[in-house]
Amino acid sequence: MLVNTESLISITEANQNFSKVARLVDKNGSAVILKNNVPRYIVMEFPAAEEIQNASDADIASISKKLIEKNLEAYKELAK
């Protein structure tokens, strides 16, 4: 995952100044909170999180097609 370095904030600073986290989300689309200098948490707008969770029908169809192609012999055997 690519992370915009402008959206990084330490957990200490996020704890002391959450409004700064909110401003980062407004500006960059997300904020990445670092714990021990390692990305640990991501804060994003709620609609963006919902969008990520809901797979599109096209995505599901594509994945299904790949699984069927990959396991075609097993499906044929099960169909007997």
N, C-alpha and C. Protein backbone atom coordinates (compact mmCIF):
# COMPACT_ATOMS: atom_id res chain seq x y z
N MET A 1 0.84 -1.17 0.00
CA MET A 1 0.00 0.00 0.00
C MET A 1 0.89 1.24 0.00
N LEU A 2 0.63 2.13 -0.91
CA LEU A 2 1.37 3.38 -0.95
C LEU A 2 0.79 4.35 0.06
N VAL A 3 1.66 5.02 0.78
CA VAL A 3 1.23 5.96 1.81
C VAL A 3 1.80 7.33 1.49
N ASN A 4 0.93 8.32 1.46
CA ASN A 4 1.36 9.70 1.27
C ASN A 4 2.08 10.14 2.54
N THR A 5 3.33 10.52 2.42
CA THR A 5 4.10 10.90 3.60
C THR A 5 3.53 12.13 4.30
N GLU A 6 2.74 12.92 3.58
CA GLU A 6 2.12 14.09 4.20
C GLU A 6 0.97 13.69 5.13
N SER A 7 0.53 12.44 5.06
CA SER A 7 -0.60 12.02 5.88
C SER A 7 -0.16 11.23 7.12
N LEU A 8 1.14 11.19 7.39
CA LEU A 8 1.66 10.47 8.55
C LEU A 8 1.62 11.33 9.80
N ILE A 9 1.25 10.70 10.90
CA ILE A 9 1.23 11.40 12.18
C ILE A 9 1.51 10.39 13.29
N SER A 10 2.27 10.80 14.28
CA SER A 10 2.59 9.87 15.37
C SER A 10 1.36 9.68 16.26
N ILE A 11 1.32 8.55 16.93
CA ILE A 11 0.18 8.27 17.80
C ILE A 11 0.12 9.27 18.96
N THR A 12 1.27 9.73 19.41
CA THR A 12 1.29 10.72 20.49
C THR A 12 0.67 12.02 20.02
N GLU A 13 1.06 12.48 18.83
CA GLU A 13 0.50 13.72 18.31
C GLU A 13 -0.99 13.57 17.99
N ALA A 14 -1.38 12.42 17.46
CA ALA A 14 -2.79 12.17 17.17
C ALA A 14 -3.62 12.19 18.45
N ASN A 15 -3.06 11.64 19.51
CA ASN A 15 -3.76 11.63 20.79
C ASN A 15 -3.90 13.04 21.36
N GLN A 16 -2.88 13.86 21.19
CA GLN A 16 -2.90 15.21 21.75
C GLN A 16 -3.62 16.21 20.86
N ASN A 17 -3.75 15.91 19.56
CA ASN A 17 -4.29 16.89 18.63
C ASN A 17 -5.10 16.17 17.54
N PHE A 18 -6.26 15.62 17.93
CA PHE A 18 -7.05 14.85 16.97
C PHE A 18 -7.58 15.73 15.85
N SER A 19 -7.76 17.02 16.11
CA SER A 19 -8.23 17.90 15.04
C SER A 19 -7.22 17.95 13.89
N LYS A 20 -5.94 17.76 14.19
CA LYS A 20 -4.92 17.71 13.15
C LYS A 20 -5.13 16.46 12.29
N VAL A 21 -5.48 15.35 12.92
CA VAL A 21 -5.77 14.12 12.19
C VAL A 21 -6.94 14.36 11.24
N ALA A 22 -8.00 14.99 11.75
CA ALA A 22 -9.18 15.27 10.92
C ALA A 22 -8.81 16.17 9.74
N ARG A 23 -7.97 17.16 9.97
CA ARG A 23 -7.54 18.03 8.87
C ARG A 23 -6.74 17.26 7.82
N LEU A 24 -5.89 16.33 8.27
CA LEU A 24 -5.13 15.50 7.33
C LEU A 24 -6.07 14.65 6.48
N VAL A 25 -7.10 14.10 7.10
CA VAL A 25 -8.07 13.30 6.36
C VAL A 25 -8.79 14.17 5.35
N ASP A 26 -9.21 15.37 5.76
CA ASP A 26 -9.88 16.27 4.84
C ASP A 26 -8.99 16.65 3.66
N LYS A 27 -7.70 16.85 3.92
CA LYS A 27 -6.76 17.28 2.88
C LYS A 27 -6.31 16.13 1.99
N ASN A 28 -5.97 14.99 2.59
CA ASN A 28 -5.32 13.90 1.85
C ASN A 28 -6.21 12.67 1.63
N GLY A 29 -7.38 12.66 2.21
CA GLY A 29 -8.26 11.51 2.05
C GLY A 29 -8.10 10.47 3.15
N SER A 30 -6.96 10.51 3.83
CA SER A 30 -6.73 9.59 4.95
C SER A 30 -5.58 10.11 5.78
N ALA A 31 -5.46 9.56 6.97
CA ALA A 31 -4.32 9.85 7.84
C ALA A 31 -3.81 8.50 8.34
N VAL A 32 -2.49 8.35 8.37
CA VAL A 32 -1.88 7.12 8.85
C VAL A 32 -1.21 7.44 10.18
N ILE A 33 -1.63 6.73 11.21
CA ILE A 33 -1.08 6.95 12.54
C ILE A 33 0.02 5.93 12.79
N LEU A 34 1.17 6.45 13.16
CA LEU A 34 2.35 5.61 13.41
C LEU A 34 2.45 5.26 14.88
N LYS A 35 2.76 4.02 15.15
CA LYS A 35 3.06 3.58 16.52
C LYS A 35 4.45 2.96 16.48
N ASN A 36 5.36 3.50 17.24
CA ASN A 36 6.77 3.09 17.21
C ASN A 36 7.34 3.21 15.80
N ASN A 37 6.99 4.31 15.13
CA ASN A 37 7.46 4.64 13.77
C ASN A 37 7.05 3.62 12.71
N VAL A 38 6.00 2.87 12.97
CA VAL A 38 5.47 1.90 12.02
C VAL A 38 4.00 2.22 11.77
N PRO A 39 3.56 2.25 10.50
CA PRO A 39 2.14 2.50 10.25
C PRO A 39 1.27 1.47 10.98
N ARG A 40 0.35 1.97 11.79
CA ARG A 40 -0.45 1.05 12.61
C ARG A 40 -1.96 1.23 12.38
N TYR A 41 -2.39 2.46 12.20
CA TYR A 41 -3.82 2.75 12.04
C TYR A 41 -4.02 3.68 10.85
N ILE A 42 -5.20 3.56 10.24
CA ILE A 42 -5.56 4.46 9.17
C ILE A 42 -6.91 5.08 9.53
N VAL A 43 -7.02 6.38 9.34
CA VAL A 43 -8.27 7.10 9.56
C VAL A 43 -8.71 7.65 8.22
N MET A 44 -9.96 7.37 7.86
CA MET A 44 -10.48 7.87 6.59
C MET A 44 -11.93 8.27 6.76
N GLU A 45 -12.45 8.98 5.75
CA GLU A 45 -13.85 9.37 5.80
C GLU A 45 -14.71 8.13 5.73
N PHE A 46 -15.84 8.15 6.41
CA PHE A 46 -16.72 6.99 6.49
C PHE A 46 -17.18 6.51 5.11
N PRO A 47 -17.62 7.39 4.20
CA PRO A 47 -18.04 6.90 2.88
C PRO A 47 -16.93 6.14 2.14
N ALA A 48 -15.69 6.56 2.31
CA ALA A 48 -14.58 5.86 1.66
C ALA A 48 -14.41 4.46 2.24
N ALA A 49 -14.59 4.32 3.54
CA ALA A 49 -14.49 3.01 4.18
C ALA A 49 -15.60 2.09 3.71
N GLU A 50 -16.81 2.63 3.57
CA GLU A 50 -17.92 1.82 3.07
C GLU A 50 -17.66 1.35 1.64
N GLU A 51 -17.10 2.22 0.84
CA GLU A 51 -16.80 1.88 -0.56
C GLU A 51 -15.80 0.74 -0.65
N ILE A 52 -14.82 0.76 0.21
CA ILE A 52 -13.80 -0.30 0.23
C ILE A 52 -14.41 -1.64 0.62
N GLN A 53 -15.35 -1.62 1.56
CA GLN A 53 -15.94 -2.86 2.05
C GLN A 53 -16.88 -3.50 1.04
N ASN A 54 -17.52 -2.72 0.21
CA ASN A 54 -18.50 -3.25 -0.72
C ASN A 54 -17.84 -3.56 -2.06
N ALA A 55 -17.68 -4.84 -2.32
CA ALA A 55 -17.11 -5.25 -3.60
C ALA A 55 -18.16 -5.06 -4.68
N SER A 56 -17.74 -4.59 -5.82
CA SER A 56 -18.67 -4.39 -6.92
C SER A 56 -19.05 -5.73 -7.54
N ASP A 57 -20.18 -5.76 -8.22
CA ASP A 57 -20.61 -6.98 -8.90
C ASP A 57 -19.57 -7.44 -9.92
N ALA A 58 -18.94 -6.48 -10.60
CA ALA A 58 -17.92 -6.83 -11.59
C ALA A 58 -16.73 -7.52 -10.92
N ASP A 59 -16.33 -7.03 -9.74
CA ASP A 59 -15.22 -7.65 -9.02
C ASP A 59 -15.58 -9.09 -8.63
N ILE A 60 -16.78 -9.28 -8.12
CA ILE A 60 -17.23 -10.61 -7.70
C ILE A 60 -17.30 -11.55 -8.89
N ALA A 61 -17.85 -11.07 -10.02
CA ALA A 61 -17.94 -11.90 -11.22
C ALA A 61 -16.55 -12.29 -11.72
N SER A 62 -15.63 -11.35 -11.69
CA SER A 62 -14.26 -11.62 -12.14
C SER A 62 -13.59 -12.67 -11.26
N ILE A 63 -13.73 -12.54 -9.97
CA ILE A 63 -13.13 -13.50 -9.03
C ILE A 63 -13.77 -14.88 -9.22
N SER A 64 -15.09 -14.91 -9.37
CA SER A 64 -15.79 -16.18 -9.57
C SER A 64 -15.31 -16.87 -10.84
N LYS A 65 -15.16 -16.10 -11.90
CA LYS A 65 -14.70 -16.67 -13.17
C LYS A 65 -13.30 -17.27 -13.02
N LYS A 66 -12.42 -16.56 -12.33
CA LYS A 66 -11.06 -17.06 -12.13
C LYS A 66 -11.06 -18.36 -11.31
N LEU A 67 -11.90 -18.40 -10.27
CA LEU A 67 -11.97 -19.60 -9.44
C LEU A 67 -12.51 -20.79 -10.22
N ILE A 68 -13.53 -20.54 -11.03
CA ILE A 68 -14.10 -21.62 -11.84
C ILE A 68 -13.06 -22.14 -12.83
N GLU A 69 -12.36 -21.23 -13.51
CA GLU A 69 -11.34 -21.64 -14.46
C GLU A 69 -10.22 -22.42 -13.77
N LYS A 70 -9.82 -21.97 -12.62
CA LYS A 70 -8.72 -22.61 -11.89
C LYS A 70 -9.10 -24.00 -11.39
N ASN A 71 -10.36 -24.17 -11.01
CA ASN A 71 -10.81 -25.42 -10.39
C ASN A 71 -11.81 -26.19 -11.24
N LEU A 72 -11.78 -25.99 -12.53
CA LEU A 72 -12.77 -26.59 -13.43
C LEU A 72 -12.84 -28.10 -13.29
N GLU A 73 -11.72 -28.76 -13.24
CA GLU A 73 -11.72 -30.23 -13.12
C GLU A 73 -12.39 -30.68 -11.83
N ALA A 74 -12.14 -30.00 -10.74
CA ALA A 74 -12.77 -30.36 -9.47
C ALA A 74 -14.28 -30.16 -9.54
N TYR A 75 -14.71 -29.08 -10.17
CA TYR A 75 -16.16 -28.84 -10.32
C TYR A 75 -16.80 -29.94 -11.17
N LYS A 76 -16.12 -30.34 -12.24
CA LYS A 76 -16.67 -31.41 -13.09
C LYS A 76 -16.79 -32.71 -12.31
N GLU A 77 -15.80 -33.01 -11.49
CA GLU A 77 -15.83 -34.23 -10.69
C GLU A 77 -16.95 -34.18 -9.67
N LEU A 78 -17.15 -33.04 -9.05
CA LEU A 78 -18.22 -32.90 -8.06
C LEU A 78 -19.60 -32.98 -8.72
N ALA A 79 -19.70 -32.60 -9.98
CA ALA A 79 -20.98 -32.60 -10.67
C ALA A 79 -21.44 -34.01 -11.02
N LYS A 80 -20.54 -34.98 -11.00
CA LYS A 80 -20.90 -36.36 -11.36
C LYS A 80 -21.83 -36.99 -10.35
